[in-house]
């Protein structure tokens, strides 16, 4: 029996931390690229910016960065470090299987990410499930990233579906807030101690969606 109700028409997947174990690589790319500009960020916790898009990361870390360093140069260096390491990424257990099962059932699926287009494409290549998705939305495709509702609202418009018939699958509070504000229902992947109270359902493993 599927966790999704009969009226579910589509699933909107977060990617980082939901479908693929990418958070360690994001952290490594941030620290390594910043080191290239003479900045030591090794004191940051591994999950310091989980679910937070890089525009907010820049704003948070700006006081620690050199005065002459501009935002785009810094972000480009981080993105390049991430993409270089992406071929070694490992999908989370059940990710490809669940997506292909839902595709076989005729359910529309999309990806909605807070990462840049280059990072989204690298993640989807590592996952090997791009053929099952109608489209993907990256941070480059919106004016405001999660927790703003725009990413999920845009997904609903492009799917041509009422938001309440789309289920978002997320692993962060920011992502769940974005989905709820856009009118979607949601499933939270619980991978740690962070409470995720905004979700309609909470699971520990992706396989539970189609169990």
N, C-alpha and C. Protein backbone atom coordinates (compact mmCIF):
# COMPACT_ATOMS: atom_id res chain seq x y z
N UNK A 1 0.85 -1.19 0.00
CA UNK A 1 0.00 0.00 0.00
C UNK A 1 0.88 1.24 0.00
N UNK A 2 0.56 2.20 -0.86
CA UNK A 2 1.33 3.42 -0.94
C UNK A 2 0.96 4.37 0.18
N UNK A 3 1.96 5.10 0.67
CA UNK A 3 1.70 6.14 1.67
C UNK A 3 0.92 7.29 1.05
N UNK A 4 1.00 7.45 -0.27
CA UNK A 4 0.31 8.54 -0.95
C UNK A 4 -1.18 8.22 -1.10
N UNK A 5 -2.04 9.20 -0.87
CA UNK A 5 -3.48 8.96 -0.97
C UNK A 5 -3.92 8.83 -2.43
N UNK A 6 -5.12 8.32 -2.67
CA UNK A 6 -5.60 8.12 -4.04
C UNK A 6 -5.66 9.39 -4.88
N UNK A 7 -5.83 10.55 -4.23
CA UNK A 7 -5.95 11.78 -5.00
C UNK A 7 -4.59 12.41 -5.32
N UNK A 8 -3.51 11.78 -4.90
CA UNK A 8 -2.18 12.31 -5.22
C UNK A 8 -1.93 12.21 -6.72
N UNK A 9 -1.55 13.32 -7.32
CA UNK A 9 -1.32 13.35 -8.76
C UNK A 9 0.15 13.51 -9.12
N UNK A 10 0.97 13.94 -8.17
CA UNK A 10 2.39 14.16 -8.46
C UNK A 10 3.19 14.17 -7.17
N UNK A 11 4.49 13.90 -7.33
CA UNK A 11 5.44 13.99 -6.22
C UNK A 11 6.54 14.96 -6.61
N UNK A 12 6.82 15.90 -5.72
CA UNK A 12 7.91 16.86 -5.93
C UNK A 12 9.03 16.53 -4.95
N UNK A 13 10.13 16.07 -5.48
CA UNK A 13 11.24 15.60 -4.66
C UNK A 13 12.26 16.70 -4.38
N UNK A 14 12.60 16.90 -3.13
CA UNK A 14 13.85 17.57 -2.81
C UNK A 14 14.96 16.59 -3.20
N UNK A 15 16.18 17.07 -3.39
CA UNK A 15 17.26 16.18 -3.82
C UNK A 15 18.29 15.99 -2.72
N UNK A 16 18.94 17.08 -2.31
CA UNK A 16 20.04 16.99 -1.34
C UNK A 16 19.55 16.48 0.01
N UNK A 17 20.08 15.35 0.44
CA UNK A 17 19.70 14.79 1.72
C UNK A 17 18.41 14.01 1.71
N UNK A 18 17.64 14.13 0.62
CA UNK A 18 16.38 13.39 0.48
C UNK A 18 16.56 12.19 -0.44
N UNK A 19 17.19 12.43 -1.60
CA UNK A 19 17.43 11.36 -2.56
C UNK A 19 18.88 10.92 -2.62
N UNK A 20 19.77 11.81 -2.24
CA UNK A 20 21.20 11.51 -2.39
C UNK A 20 21.97 12.05 -1.18
N UNK A 21 22.98 11.33 -0.78
CA UNK A 21 23.76 11.70 0.40
C UNK A 21 24.79 12.76 0.00
N UNK A 22 24.31 13.97 -0.23
CA UNK A 22 25.16 15.04 -0.78
C UNK A 22 25.63 16.05 0.25
N UNK A 23 25.05 16.04 1.44
CA UNK A 23 25.41 17.06 2.42
C UNK A 23 26.90 17.08 2.76
N UNK A 24 27.56 15.91 2.93
CA UNK A 24 29.01 15.96 3.19
C UNK A 24 29.80 16.61 2.07
N UNK A 25 29.40 16.36 0.82
CA UNK A 25 30.10 16.98 -0.31
C UNK A 25 29.85 18.48 -0.35
N UNK A 26 28.63 18.92 -0.05
CA UNK A 26 28.36 20.35 0.01
C UNK A 26 29.27 21.02 1.04
N UNK A 27 29.39 20.40 2.19
CA UNK A 27 30.23 20.97 3.25
C UNK A 27 31.70 20.99 2.81
N UNK A 28 32.17 19.89 2.23
CA UNK A 28 33.56 19.82 1.76
C UNK A 28 33.83 20.89 0.71
N UNK A 29 32.90 21.06 -0.24
CA UNK A 29 33.09 22.05 -1.30
C UNK A 29 33.14 23.46 -0.72
N UNK A 30 32.29 23.74 0.26
CA UNK A 30 32.28 25.06 0.91
C UNK A 30 33.60 25.34 1.60
N UNK A 31 34.09 24.38 2.37
CA UNK A 31 35.33 24.57 3.13
C UNK A 31 36.53 24.65 2.19
N UNK A 32 36.58 23.74 1.20
CA UNK A 32 37.73 23.70 0.30
C UNK A 32 37.82 24.95 -0.57
N UNK A 33 36.69 25.37 -1.13
CA UNK A 33 36.71 26.56 -1.99
C UNK A 33 37.05 27.81 -1.18
N UNK A 34 36.52 27.92 0.02
CA UNK A 34 36.81 29.09 0.86
C UNK A 34 38.27 29.12 1.27
N UNK A 35 38.85 27.94 1.48
CA UNK A 35 40.28 27.87 1.82
C UNK A 35 41.12 28.47 0.70
N UNK A 36 40.64 28.29 -0.55
CA UNK A 36 41.36 28.86 -1.69
C UNK A 36 41.39 30.37 -1.68
N UNK A 37 40.49 31.00 -0.92
CA UNK A 37 40.47 32.46 -0.78
C UNK A 37 41.06 32.89 0.56
N UNK A 38 41.75 31.96 1.23
CA UNK A 38 42.41 32.28 2.48
C UNK A 38 41.52 32.28 3.70
N UNK A 39 40.38 31.58 3.62
CA UNK A 39 39.42 31.56 4.72
C UNK A 39 39.31 30.14 5.28
N UNK A 40 39.49 30.00 6.57
CA UNK A 40 39.38 28.68 7.21
C UNK A 40 38.00 28.55 7.85
N UNK A 41 37.17 27.67 7.27
CA UNK A 41 35.83 27.42 7.79
C UNK A 41 35.71 26.03 8.42
N UNK A 42 36.85 25.46 8.77
CA UNK A 42 36.84 24.09 9.29
C UNK A 42 36.14 23.97 10.64
N UNK A 43 35.87 25.11 11.30
CA UNK A 43 35.18 25.06 12.58
C UNK A 43 33.66 24.88 12.44
N UNK A 44 33.15 25.00 11.21
CA UNK A 44 31.70 24.88 11.01
C UNK A 44 31.24 23.44 11.22
N UNK A 45 30.09 23.23 11.85
CA UNK A 45 29.52 21.88 11.95
C UNK A 45 29.22 21.33 10.56
N UNK A 46 29.29 20.03 10.41
CA UNK A 46 29.09 19.40 9.10
C UNK A 46 27.75 19.76 8.47
N UNK A 47 26.70 19.87 9.24
CA UNK A 47 25.36 20.17 8.73
C UNK A 47 24.94 21.61 9.02
N UNK A 48 25.90 22.51 9.06
CA UNK A 48 25.61 23.89 9.45
C UNK A 48 24.57 24.56 8.55
N UNK A 49 24.56 24.20 7.28
CA UNK A 49 23.67 24.87 6.33
C UNK A 49 22.75 23.90 5.61
N UNK A 50 22.34 22.87 6.30
CA UNK A 50 21.44 21.88 5.71
C UNK A 50 20.11 22.53 5.30
N UNK A 51 19.77 22.36 4.02
CA UNK A 51 18.52 22.90 3.52
C UNK A 51 18.53 24.38 3.22
N UNK A 52 19.66 25.05 3.46
CA UNK A 52 19.77 26.51 3.27
C UNK A 52 20.44 26.80 1.94
N UNK A 53 19.83 27.66 1.13
CA UNK A 53 20.44 27.92 -0.18
C UNK A 53 21.65 28.85 -0.05
N UNK A 54 22.49 28.83 -1.08
CA UNK A 54 23.79 29.46 -0.98
C UNK A 54 23.73 30.99 -0.88
N UNK A 55 22.64 31.58 -1.31
CA UNK A 55 22.51 33.02 -1.11
C UNK A 55 22.49 33.38 0.37
N UNK A 56 21.80 32.56 1.16
CA UNK A 56 21.76 32.80 2.60
C UNK A 56 23.08 32.41 3.26
N UNK A 57 23.73 31.39 2.72
CA UNK A 57 25.04 31.00 3.26
C UNK A 57 26.03 32.15 3.08
N UNK A 58 26.01 32.77 1.90
CA UNK A 58 26.87 33.93 1.64
C UNK A 58 26.62 35.04 2.65
N UNK A 59 25.36 35.35 2.88
CA UNK A 59 25.02 36.41 3.82
C UNK A 59 25.50 36.09 5.24
N UNK A 60 25.38 34.82 5.61
CA UNK A 60 25.78 34.41 6.96
C UNK A 60 27.30 34.49 7.14
N UNK A 61 28.03 34.05 6.10
CA UNK A 61 29.49 33.96 6.21
C UNK A 61 30.22 35.21 5.73
N UNK A 62 29.51 36.17 5.17
CA UNK A 62 30.16 37.34 4.59
C UNK A 62 31.14 38.02 5.55
N UNK A 63 30.83 38.15 6.85
CA UNK A 63 31.79 38.82 7.74
C UNK A 63 33.12 38.08 7.87
N UNK A 64 33.16 36.79 7.53
CA UNK A 64 34.39 36.01 7.64
C UNK A 64 35.17 35.97 6.34
N UNK A 65 34.62 36.50 5.26
CA UNK A 65 35.26 36.44 3.95
C UNK A 65 36.00 37.73 3.64
N UNK A 66 37.01 37.67 2.77
CA UNK A 66 37.80 38.87 2.43
C UNK A 66 36.92 39.97 1.83
N UNK A 67 37.25 41.21 2.11
CA UNK A 67 36.47 42.34 1.61
C UNK A 67 36.42 42.38 0.08
N UNK A 68 37.49 41.97 -0.58
CA UNK A 68 37.54 42.04 -2.03
C UNK A 68 36.89 40.89 -2.75
N UNK A 69 36.40 39.90 -2.03
CA UNK A 69 35.81 38.71 -2.64
C UNK A 69 34.34 38.97 -2.97
N UNK A 70 33.97 38.81 -4.25
CA UNK A 70 32.57 39.03 -4.61
C UNK A 70 31.79 37.71 -4.56
N UNK A 71 30.49 37.83 -4.40
CA UNK A 71 29.61 36.69 -4.19
C UNK A 71 29.70 35.67 -5.32
N UNK A 72 29.64 36.11 -6.57
CA UNK A 72 29.61 35.18 -7.70
C UNK A 72 30.90 34.38 -7.82
N UNK A 73 32.03 35.03 -7.57
CA UNK A 73 33.31 34.33 -7.64
C UNK A 73 33.38 33.23 -6.59
N UNK A 74 32.94 33.55 -5.39
CA UNK A 74 32.94 32.57 -4.30
C UNK A 74 32.00 31.41 -4.59
N UNK A 75 30.79 31.71 -5.04
CA UNK A 75 29.82 30.66 -5.33
C UNK A 75 30.25 29.78 -6.50
N UNK A 76 30.86 30.38 -7.50
CA UNK A 76 31.34 29.60 -8.64
C UNK A 76 32.42 28.61 -8.22
N UNK A 77 33.30 29.03 -7.33
CA UNK A 77 34.36 28.14 -6.84
C UNK A 77 33.77 26.98 -6.04
N UNK A 78 32.79 27.25 -5.21
CA UNK A 78 32.14 26.19 -4.43
C UNK A 78 31.42 25.22 -5.36
N UNK A 79 30.70 25.76 -6.33
CA UNK A 79 29.97 24.92 -7.28
C UNK A 79 30.93 24.02 -8.05
N UNK A 80 32.07 24.56 -8.49
CA UNK A 80 33.04 23.76 -9.24
C UNK A 80 33.60 22.63 -8.38
N UNK A 81 33.88 22.91 -7.12
CA UNK A 81 34.38 21.88 -6.21
C UNK A 81 33.35 20.79 -6.00
N UNK A 82 32.09 21.19 -5.93
CA UNK A 82 31.02 20.19 -5.74
C UNK A 82 30.87 19.31 -6.98
N UNK A 83 30.77 19.92 -8.13
CA UNK A 83 30.56 19.16 -9.38
C UNK A 83 31.72 18.19 -9.61
N UNK A 84 32.93 18.61 -9.26
CA UNK A 84 34.09 17.73 -9.43
C UNK A 84 33.96 16.46 -8.60
N UNK A 85 33.35 16.58 -7.43
CA UNK A 85 33.21 15.41 -6.56
C UNK A 85 31.92 14.64 -6.74
N UNK A 86 31.00 15.15 -7.53
CA UNK A 86 29.67 14.56 -7.65
C UNK A 86 29.64 13.12 -8.18
N UNK A 87 30.55 12.71 -9.09
CA UNK A 87 30.48 11.33 -9.58
C UNK A 87 30.60 10.27 -8.47
N UNK A 88 31.14 10.64 -7.33
CA UNK A 88 31.29 9.68 -6.23
C UNK A 88 30.07 9.66 -5.30
N UNK A 89 29.06 10.49 -5.56
CA UNK A 89 27.89 10.54 -4.70
C UNK A 89 27.13 9.22 -4.71
N UNK A 90 26.50 8.91 -3.58
CA UNK A 90 25.76 7.67 -3.43
C UNK A 90 24.29 7.98 -3.18
N UNK A 91 23.37 7.44 -4.01
CA UNK A 91 21.94 7.64 -3.74
C UNK A 91 21.56 7.05 -2.39
N UNK A 92 20.60 7.66 -1.73
CA UNK A 92 20.12 7.11 -0.47
C UNK A 92 19.32 5.83 -0.73
N UNK A 93 19.30 4.90 0.21
CA UNK A 93 18.65 3.61 0.00
C UNK A 93 17.19 3.76 -0.46
N UNK A 94 16.88 3.06 -1.53
CA UNK A 94 15.52 3.05 -2.04
C UNK A 94 15.16 4.18 -2.97
N UNK A 95 16.03 5.18 -3.14
CA UNK A 95 15.68 6.38 -3.92
C UNK A 95 15.27 6.03 -5.35
N UNK A 96 16.16 5.38 -6.08
CA UNK A 96 15.85 5.06 -7.48
C UNK A 96 14.68 4.09 -7.58
N UNK A 97 14.62 3.13 -6.69
CA UNK A 97 13.56 2.13 -6.73
C UNK A 97 12.19 2.77 -6.53
N UNK A 98 12.07 3.66 -5.55
CA UNK A 98 10.79 4.31 -5.28
C UNK A 98 10.37 5.19 -6.45
N UNK A 99 11.30 5.95 -6.99
CA UNK A 99 10.99 6.84 -8.10
C UNK A 99 10.55 6.04 -9.32
N UNK A 100 11.21 4.95 -9.60
CA UNK A 100 10.83 4.13 -10.76
C UNK A 100 9.51 3.40 -10.52
N UNK A 101 9.24 3.02 -9.29
CA UNK A 101 7.96 2.40 -8.97
C UNK A 101 6.81 3.38 -9.19
N UNK A 102 6.97 4.61 -8.73
CA UNK A 102 5.93 5.62 -8.91
C UNK A 102 5.77 5.98 -10.39
N UNK A 103 6.87 6.01 -11.12
CA UNK A 103 6.80 6.29 -12.56
C UNK A 103 6.01 5.20 -13.27
N UNK A 104 6.22 3.95 -12.87
CA UNK A 104 5.50 2.84 -13.48
C UNK A 104 4.01 2.91 -13.18
N UNK A 105 3.65 3.55 -12.06
CA UNK A 105 2.26 3.72 -11.69
C UNK A 105 1.62 4.93 -12.37
N UNK A 106 2.42 5.66 -13.15
CA UNK A 106 1.90 6.80 -13.90
C UNK A 106 1.84 8.10 -13.12
N UNK A 107 2.52 8.16 -11.97
CA UNK A 107 2.50 9.37 -11.17
C UNK A 107 3.54 10.37 -11.70
N UNK A 108 3.13 11.60 -11.91
CA UNK A 108 4.07 12.63 -12.36
C UNK A 108 5.06 12.93 -11.24
N UNK A 109 6.33 13.17 -11.61
CA UNK A 109 7.36 13.46 -10.62
C UNK A 109 8.27 14.58 -11.12
N UNK A 110 8.67 15.44 -10.19
CA UNK A 110 9.59 16.54 -10.49
C UNK A 110 10.59 16.64 -9.35
N UNK A 111 11.65 17.40 -9.57
CA UNK A 111 12.62 17.68 -8.52
C UNK A 111 12.61 19.18 -8.26
N UNK A 112 12.61 19.54 -6.98
CA UNK A 112 12.60 20.95 -6.58
C UNK A 112 13.73 21.15 -5.57
N UNK A 113 14.78 21.85 -5.99
CA UNK A 113 15.99 21.92 -5.19
C UNK A 113 16.37 23.36 -4.85
N UNK A 114 17.09 23.51 -3.76
CA UNK A 114 17.65 24.80 -3.37
C UNK A 114 19.07 24.98 -3.90
N UNK A 115 19.54 24.03 -4.69
CA UNK A 115 20.90 24.11 -5.25
C UNK A 115 20.88 24.74 -6.64
N UNK A 116 22.05 25.12 -7.12
CA UNK A 116 22.18 25.73 -8.44
C UNK A 116 21.90 24.70 -9.53
N UNK A 117 21.71 25.18 -10.76
CA UNK A 117 21.42 24.29 -11.87
C UNK A 117 22.55 23.28 -12.08
N UNK A 118 23.80 23.72 -12.02
CA UNK A 118 24.91 22.79 -12.24
C UNK A 118 24.93 21.69 -11.19
N UNK A 119 24.64 22.03 -9.93
CA UNK A 119 24.62 21.05 -8.85
C UNK A 119 23.43 20.10 -9.01
N UNK A 120 22.27 20.65 -9.36
CA UNK A 120 21.09 19.80 -9.59
C UNK A 120 21.37 18.79 -10.69
N UNK A 121 21.92 19.24 -11.79
CA UNK A 121 22.19 18.33 -12.91
C UNK A 121 23.22 17.28 -12.53
N UNK A 122 24.23 17.66 -11.74
CA UNK A 122 25.24 16.69 -11.30
C UNK A 122 24.60 15.65 -10.37
N UNK A 123 23.70 16.09 -9.50
CA UNK A 123 23.02 15.16 -8.60
C UNK A 123 22.12 14.20 -9.36
N UNK A 124 21.37 14.71 -10.33
CA UNK A 124 20.47 13.85 -11.09
C UNK A 124 21.25 12.84 -11.92
N UNK A 125 22.41 13.25 -12.42
CA UNK A 125 23.25 12.31 -13.16
C UNK A 125 23.73 11.19 -12.25
N UNK A 126 24.11 11.53 -11.02
CA UNK A 126 24.55 10.52 -10.06
C UNK A 126 23.41 9.59 -9.67
N UNK A 127 22.20 10.11 -9.60
CA UNK A 127 21.03 9.31 -9.24
C UNK A 127 20.59 8.40 -10.37
N UNK A 128 20.73 8.87 -11.61
CA UNK A 128 20.32 8.07 -12.76
C UNK A 128 18.82 7.95 -12.93
N UNK A 129 18.06 8.96 -12.49
CA UNK A 129 16.60 8.87 -12.58
C UNK A 129 15.99 10.06 -13.34
N UNK A 130 16.80 10.83 -14.04
CA UNK A 130 16.30 12.02 -14.73
C UNK A 130 15.20 11.68 -15.73
N UNK A 131 15.26 10.48 -16.29
CA UNK A 131 14.24 10.07 -17.28
C UNK A 131 12.86 9.90 -16.66
N UNK A 132 12.78 9.80 -15.35
CA UNK A 132 11.49 9.64 -14.65
C UNK A 132 10.87 10.97 -14.24
N UNK A 133 11.59 12.06 -14.44
CA UNK A 133 11.13 13.37 -13.98
C UNK A 133 10.61 14.21 -15.14
N UNK A 134 9.51 14.90 -14.90
CA UNK A 134 8.98 15.80 -15.92
C UNK A 134 9.88 17.00 -16.10
N UNK A 135 10.44 17.50 -14.99
CA UNK A 135 11.38 18.62 -15.03
C UNK A 135 12.00 18.77 -13.65
N UNK A 136 12.98 19.66 -13.56
CA UNK A 136 13.58 19.98 -12.26
C UNK A 136 13.67 21.49 -12.12
N UNK A 137 13.55 21.96 -10.90
CA UNK A 137 13.65 23.38 -10.59
C UNK A 137 14.85 23.59 -9.68
N UNK A 138 15.72 24.49 -10.07
CA UNK A 138 16.92 24.80 -9.29
C UNK A 138 16.80 26.20 -8.72
N UNK A 139 17.76 26.58 -7.90
CA UNK A 139 17.79 27.93 -7.34
C UNK A 139 17.93 28.97 -8.44
N UNK A 140 18.56 28.59 -9.56
CA UNK A 140 18.73 29.52 -10.67
C UNK A 140 17.42 29.81 -11.40
N UNK A 141 16.39 29.01 -11.15
CA UNK A 141 15.13 29.16 -11.87
C UNK A 141 14.10 30.01 -11.12
N UNK A 142 14.45 30.46 -9.92
CA UNK A 142 13.50 31.22 -9.10
C UNK A 142 14.16 32.49 -8.57
N UNK A 143 13.33 33.43 -8.15
CA UNK A 143 13.86 34.64 -7.53
C UNK A 143 14.18 34.41 -6.06
N UNK A 144 13.40 33.54 -5.41
CA UNK A 144 13.59 33.26 -3.98
C UNK A 144 13.57 31.75 -3.77
N UNK A 145 14.56 31.24 -3.03
CA UNK A 145 14.63 29.82 -2.75
C UNK A 145 13.83 29.46 -1.50
N UNK A 146 13.81 28.18 -1.18
CA UNK A 146 13.17 27.72 0.04
C UNK A 146 13.84 28.41 1.25
N UNK A 147 13.09 28.82 2.26
CA UNK A 147 11.71 28.47 2.62
C UNK A 147 10.62 29.28 1.94
N UNK A 148 10.96 30.18 1.01
CA UNK A 148 9.94 30.89 0.26
C UNK A 148 9.11 29.88 -0.53
N UNK A 149 7.83 30.12 -0.73
CA UNK A 149 7.00 29.16 -1.46
C UNK A 149 7.25 29.11 -2.96
N UNK A 150 8.00 30.05 -3.52
CA UNK A 150 8.13 30.15 -4.97
C UNK A 150 8.56 28.86 -5.66
N UNK A 151 9.59 28.12 -5.17
CA UNK A 151 9.99 26.92 -5.90
C UNK A 151 8.86 25.90 -6.08
N UNK A 152 8.11 25.64 -5.02
CA UNK A 152 7.02 24.67 -5.12
C UNK A 152 5.81 25.24 -5.83
N UNK A 153 5.56 26.53 -5.69
CA UNK A 153 4.46 27.16 -6.42
C UNK A 153 4.73 27.09 -7.92
N UNK A 154 5.98 27.30 -8.32
CA UNK A 154 6.34 27.20 -9.74
C UNK A 154 6.16 25.77 -10.23
N UNK A 155 6.53 24.80 -9.40
CA UNK A 155 6.36 23.40 -9.79
C UNK A 155 4.89 23.08 -10.04
N UNK A 156 4.01 23.56 -9.17
CA UNK A 156 2.57 23.31 -9.34
C UNK A 156 2.06 23.95 -10.62
N UNK A 157 2.50 25.18 -10.89
CA UNK A 157 2.06 25.85 -12.13
C UNK A 157 2.52 25.09 -13.36
N UNK A 158 3.76 24.65 -13.36
CA UNK A 158 4.28 23.94 -14.53
C UNK A 158 3.63 22.57 -14.71
N UNK A 159 3.27 21.94 -13.60
CA UNK A 159 2.56 20.66 -13.68
C UNK A 159 1.10 20.86 -14.08
N UNK A 160 0.56 22.05 -13.86
CA UNK A 160 -0.83 22.31 -14.16
C UNK A 160 -1.77 21.60 -13.20
N UNK A 161 -1.33 21.46 -11.94
CA UNK A 161 -2.10 20.73 -10.94
C UNK A 161 -2.40 21.62 -9.74
N UNK A 162 -3.53 21.37 -9.05
CA UNK A 162 -3.76 22.07 -7.79
C UNK A 162 -2.68 21.68 -6.79
N UNK A 163 -2.13 22.62 -6.06
CA UNK A 163 -1.04 22.29 -5.13
C UNK A 163 -1.36 21.17 -4.15
N UNK A 164 -2.62 21.08 -3.69
CA UNK A 164 -2.94 20.08 -2.68
C UNK A 164 -2.90 18.65 -3.21
N UNK A 165 -2.79 18.50 -4.53
CA UNK A 165 -2.68 17.16 -5.12
C UNK A 165 -1.22 16.76 -5.37
N UNK A 166 -0.30 17.62 -4.95
CA UNK A 166 1.13 17.35 -5.11
C UNK A 166 1.73 17.12 -3.73
N UNK A 167 2.54 16.09 -3.61
CA UNK A 167 3.20 15.77 -2.35
C UNK A 167 4.69 16.09 -2.46
N UNK A 168 5.18 16.92 -1.57
CA UNK A 168 6.61 17.21 -1.50
C UNK A 168 7.27 16.22 -0.55
N UNK A 169 8.46 15.76 -0.91
CA UNK A 169 9.24 14.89 -0.03
C UNK A 169 10.51 15.65 0.33
N UNK A 170 10.71 15.92 1.63
CA UNK A 170 11.75 16.83 2.08
C UNK A 170 12.47 16.28 3.31
N UNK A 171 13.67 16.80 3.56
CA UNK A 171 14.41 16.41 4.76
C UNK A 171 14.78 17.61 5.62
N UNK A 172 14.28 18.80 5.29
CA UNK A 172 14.66 19.98 6.07
C UNK A 172 13.45 20.83 6.41
N UNK A 173 13.58 21.60 7.47
CA UNK A 173 12.51 22.50 7.89
C UNK A 173 12.25 23.56 6.83
N UNK A 174 13.31 24.06 6.19
CA UNK A 174 13.14 25.09 5.17
C UNK A 174 12.34 24.57 3.99
N UNK A 175 12.63 23.34 3.57
CA UNK A 175 11.91 22.75 2.45
C UNK A 175 10.45 22.50 2.77
N UNK A 176 10.19 22.00 3.97
CA UNK A 176 8.81 21.75 4.38
C UNK A 176 8.02 23.04 4.50
N UNK A 177 8.66 24.09 4.99
CA UNK A 177 7.99 25.39 5.09
C UNK A 177 7.64 25.91 3.70
N UNK A 178 8.53 25.73 2.75
CA UNK A 178 8.28 26.16 1.37
C UNK A 178 7.10 25.42 0.78
N UNK A 179 7.07 24.10 0.96
CA UNK A 179 5.98 23.28 0.41
C UNK A 179 4.65 23.66 1.03
N UNK A 180 4.61 23.81 2.35
CA UNK A 180 3.35 24.13 3.03
C UNK A 180 2.85 25.50 2.58
N UNK A 181 3.74 26.48 2.48
CA UNK A 181 3.33 27.83 2.08
C UNK A 181 2.78 27.85 0.66
N UNK A 182 3.24 26.91 -0.18
CA UNK A 182 2.76 26.83 -1.55
C UNK A 182 1.48 26.01 -1.67
N UNK A 183 1.04 25.40 -0.58
CA UNK A 183 -0.20 24.63 -0.59
C UNK A 183 -0.05 23.15 -0.83
N UNK A 184 1.20 22.66 -0.88
CA UNK A 184 1.43 21.22 -1.08
C UNK A 184 1.30 20.48 0.24
N UNK A 185 1.02 19.19 0.16
CA UNK A 185 1.14 18.31 1.31
C UNK A 185 2.55 17.73 1.29
N UNK A 186 2.98 17.16 2.40
CA UNK A 186 4.40 16.79 2.46
C UNK A 186 4.68 15.56 3.29
N UNK A 187 5.81 14.95 2.97
CA UNK A 187 6.37 13.82 3.70
C UNK A 187 7.78 14.20 4.12
N UNK A 188 8.07 14.06 5.40
CA UNK A 188 9.40 14.38 5.92
C UNK A 188 10.22 13.11 6.06
N UNK A 189 11.45 13.15 5.59
CA UNK A 189 12.41 12.08 5.82
C UNK A 189 13.17 12.41 7.09
N UNK A 190 13.01 11.60 8.11
CA UNK A 190 13.68 11.86 9.38
C UNK A 190 15.02 11.14 9.39
N UNK A 191 16.08 11.93 9.35
CA UNK A 191 17.41 11.34 9.31
C UNK A 191 18.26 11.71 10.51
N UNK A 192 17.71 12.50 11.40
CA UNK A 192 18.48 12.92 12.57
C UNK A 192 17.54 13.34 13.68
N UNK A 193 18.02 14.22 14.53
CA UNK A 193 17.23 14.65 15.68
C UNK A 193 16.42 15.92 15.40
N UNK A 194 16.62 16.53 14.23
CA UNK A 194 15.91 17.77 13.93
C UNK A 194 14.41 17.52 13.84
N UNK A 195 13.58 18.21 14.63
CA UNK A 195 12.13 18.04 14.53
C UNK A 195 11.61 18.67 13.24
N UNK A 196 10.69 18.00 12.59
CA UNK A 196 10.12 18.49 11.34
C UNK A 196 8.60 18.49 11.47
N UNK A 197 8.05 19.40 12.27
CA UNK A 197 6.62 19.36 12.60
C UNK A 197 5.69 19.80 11.49
N UNK A 198 6.21 20.40 10.41
CA UNK A 198 5.34 20.92 9.36
C UNK A 198 4.87 19.85 8.39
N UNK A 199 5.37 18.63 8.48
CA UNK A 199 5.04 17.58 7.53
C UNK A 199 3.70 16.92 7.85
N UNK A 200 3.01 16.46 6.81
CA UNK A 200 1.78 15.69 6.99
C UNK A 200 2.09 14.26 7.42
N UNK A 201 3.20 13.72 6.95
CA UNK A 201 3.66 12.39 7.34
C UNK A 201 5.16 12.45 7.58
N UNK A 202 5.68 11.56 8.40
CA UNK A 202 7.11 11.45 8.63
C UNK A 202 7.52 9.99 8.50
N UNK A 203 8.63 9.77 7.80
CA UNK A 203 9.12 8.41 7.59
C UNK A 203 10.62 8.36 7.86
N UNK A 204 11.13 7.16 8.05
CA UNK A 204 12.56 6.97 8.26
C UNK A 204 13.28 6.47 7.01
N UNK A 205 12.53 5.88 6.08
CA UNK A 205 13.13 5.31 4.88
C UNK A 205 12.24 5.57 3.68
N UNK A 206 12.83 5.84 2.54
CA UNK A 206 12.06 6.15 1.33
C UNK A 206 11.15 5.01 0.92
N UNK A 207 11.55 3.79 1.19
CA UNK A 207 10.73 2.64 0.80
C UNK A 207 9.35 2.68 1.44
N UNK A 208 9.21 3.39 2.55
CA UNK A 208 7.90 3.47 3.22
C UNK A 208 6.86 4.16 2.36
N UNK A 209 7.30 4.94 1.40
CA UNK A 209 6.36 5.65 0.52
C UNK A 209 5.55 4.68 -0.33
N UNK A 210 6.17 3.58 -0.74
CA UNK A 210 5.48 2.62 -1.60
C UNK A 210 5.39 1.24 -0.95
N UNK A 211 5.58 1.18 0.37
CA UNK A 211 5.58 -0.11 1.05
C UNK A 211 4.23 -0.80 0.90
